[in-house]
N, C-alpha and C. Protein backbone atom coordinates (compact mmCIF):
# COMPACT_ATOMS: atom_id res chain seq x y z
N UNK A 1 7.76 -8.04 -2.81
CA UNK A 1 7.40 -8.34 -4.21
C UNK A 1 6.99 -7.04 -4.90
N UNK A 2 7.47 -6.84 -6.11
CA UNK A 2 7.15 -5.60 -6.83
C UNK A 2 5.65 -5.46 -7.04
N UNK A 3 4.97 -6.57 -7.30
CA UNK A 3 3.52 -6.51 -7.55
C UNK A 3 2.81 -5.88 -6.35
N UNK A 4 3.17 -6.31 -5.15
CA UNK A 4 2.52 -5.76 -3.95
C UNK A 4 2.77 -4.26 -3.87
N UNK A 5 3.99 -3.84 -4.12
CA UNK A 5 4.32 -2.40 -4.05
C UNK A 5 3.48 -1.63 -5.07
N UNK A 6 3.35 -2.16 -6.27
CA UNK A 6 2.56 -1.47 -7.30
C UNK A 6 1.12 -1.30 -6.84
N UNK A 7 0.54 -2.37 -6.30
CA UNK A 7 -0.85 -2.30 -5.83
C UNK A 7 -0.98 -1.26 -4.73
N UNK A 8 -0.03 -1.25 -3.81
CA UNK A 8 -0.08 -0.28 -2.70
C UNK A 8 0.00 1.13 -3.25
N UNK A 9 0.89 1.36 -4.22
CA UNK A 9 1.03 2.71 -4.79
C UNK A 9 -0.30 3.14 -5.42
N UNK A 10 -0.93 2.24 -6.16
CA UNK A 10 -2.21 2.58 -6.81
C UNK A 10 -3.25 2.94 -5.75
N UNK A 11 -3.31 2.14 -4.68
CA UNK A 11 -4.30 2.41 -3.63
C UNK A 11 -3.99 3.74 -2.96
N UNK A 12 -2.70 4.01 -2.72
CA UNK A 12 -2.32 5.28 -2.07
C UNK A 12 -2.77 6.44 -2.94
N UNK A 13 -2.60 6.34 -4.25
CA UNK A 13 -3.03 7.43 -5.15
C UNK A 13 -4.54 7.61 -5.05
N UNK A 14 -5.26 6.50 -4.92
CA UNK A 14 -6.73 6.59 -4.82
C UNK A 14 -7.13 7.22 -3.49
N UNK A 15 -6.45 6.83 -2.41
CA UNK A 15 -6.77 7.38 -1.09
C UNK A 15 -5.49 7.56 -0.29
N UNK A 16 -4.85 8.73 -0.39
CA UNK A 16 -3.61 8.98 0.34
C UNK A 16 -3.80 8.96 1.86
N UNK A 17 -5.03 9.13 2.32
CA UNK A 17 -5.28 9.13 3.76
C UNK A 17 -5.80 7.76 4.18
N UNK A 18 -4.92 6.79 4.29
CA UNK A 18 -5.35 5.43 4.62
C UNK A 18 -4.28 4.76 5.48
N UNK A 19 -4.35 4.92 6.81
CA UNK A 19 -3.35 4.31 7.70
C UNK A 19 -3.27 2.80 7.56
N UNK A 20 -4.37 2.18 7.09
CA UNK A 20 -4.36 0.72 6.92
C UNK A 20 -3.30 0.33 5.91
N UNK A 21 -3.07 1.19 4.91
CA UNK A 21 -2.07 0.87 3.89
C UNK A 21 -0.70 0.69 4.53
N UNK A 22 -0.37 1.52 5.50
CA UNK A 22 0.94 1.40 6.15
C UNK A 22 1.05 0.04 6.85
N UNK A 23 -0.03 -0.39 7.49
CA UNK A 23 0.00 -1.69 8.16
C UNK A 23 0.15 -2.80 7.14
N UNK A 24 -0.58 -2.71 6.02
CA UNK A 24 -0.48 -3.73 4.98
C UNK A 24 0.94 -3.75 4.43
N UNK A 25 1.53 -2.56 4.24
CA UNK A 25 2.89 -2.50 3.70
C UNK A 25 3.86 -3.22 4.63
N UNK A 26 3.70 -3.01 5.94
CA UNK A 26 4.59 -3.68 6.91
C UNK A 26 4.36 -5.18 6.86
N UNK A 27 3.10 -5.60 6.82
CA UNK A 27 2.81 -7.04 6.76
C UNK A 27 3.36 -7.63 5.47
N UNK A 28 3.21 -6.89 4.36
CA UNK A 28 3.72 -7.38 3.08
C UNK A 28 5.23 -7.48 3.10
N UNK A 29 5.88 -6.52 3.77
CA UNK A 29 7.34 -6.53 3.81
C UNK A 29 7.81 -7.75 4.60
């Protein structure tokens, strides 16, 4: 879903060092 990707991008910009984001991205995918 585009919405999820947008949220992830915003979070990555806030904290680029966040391995949890990669796990969330996989779960979201």
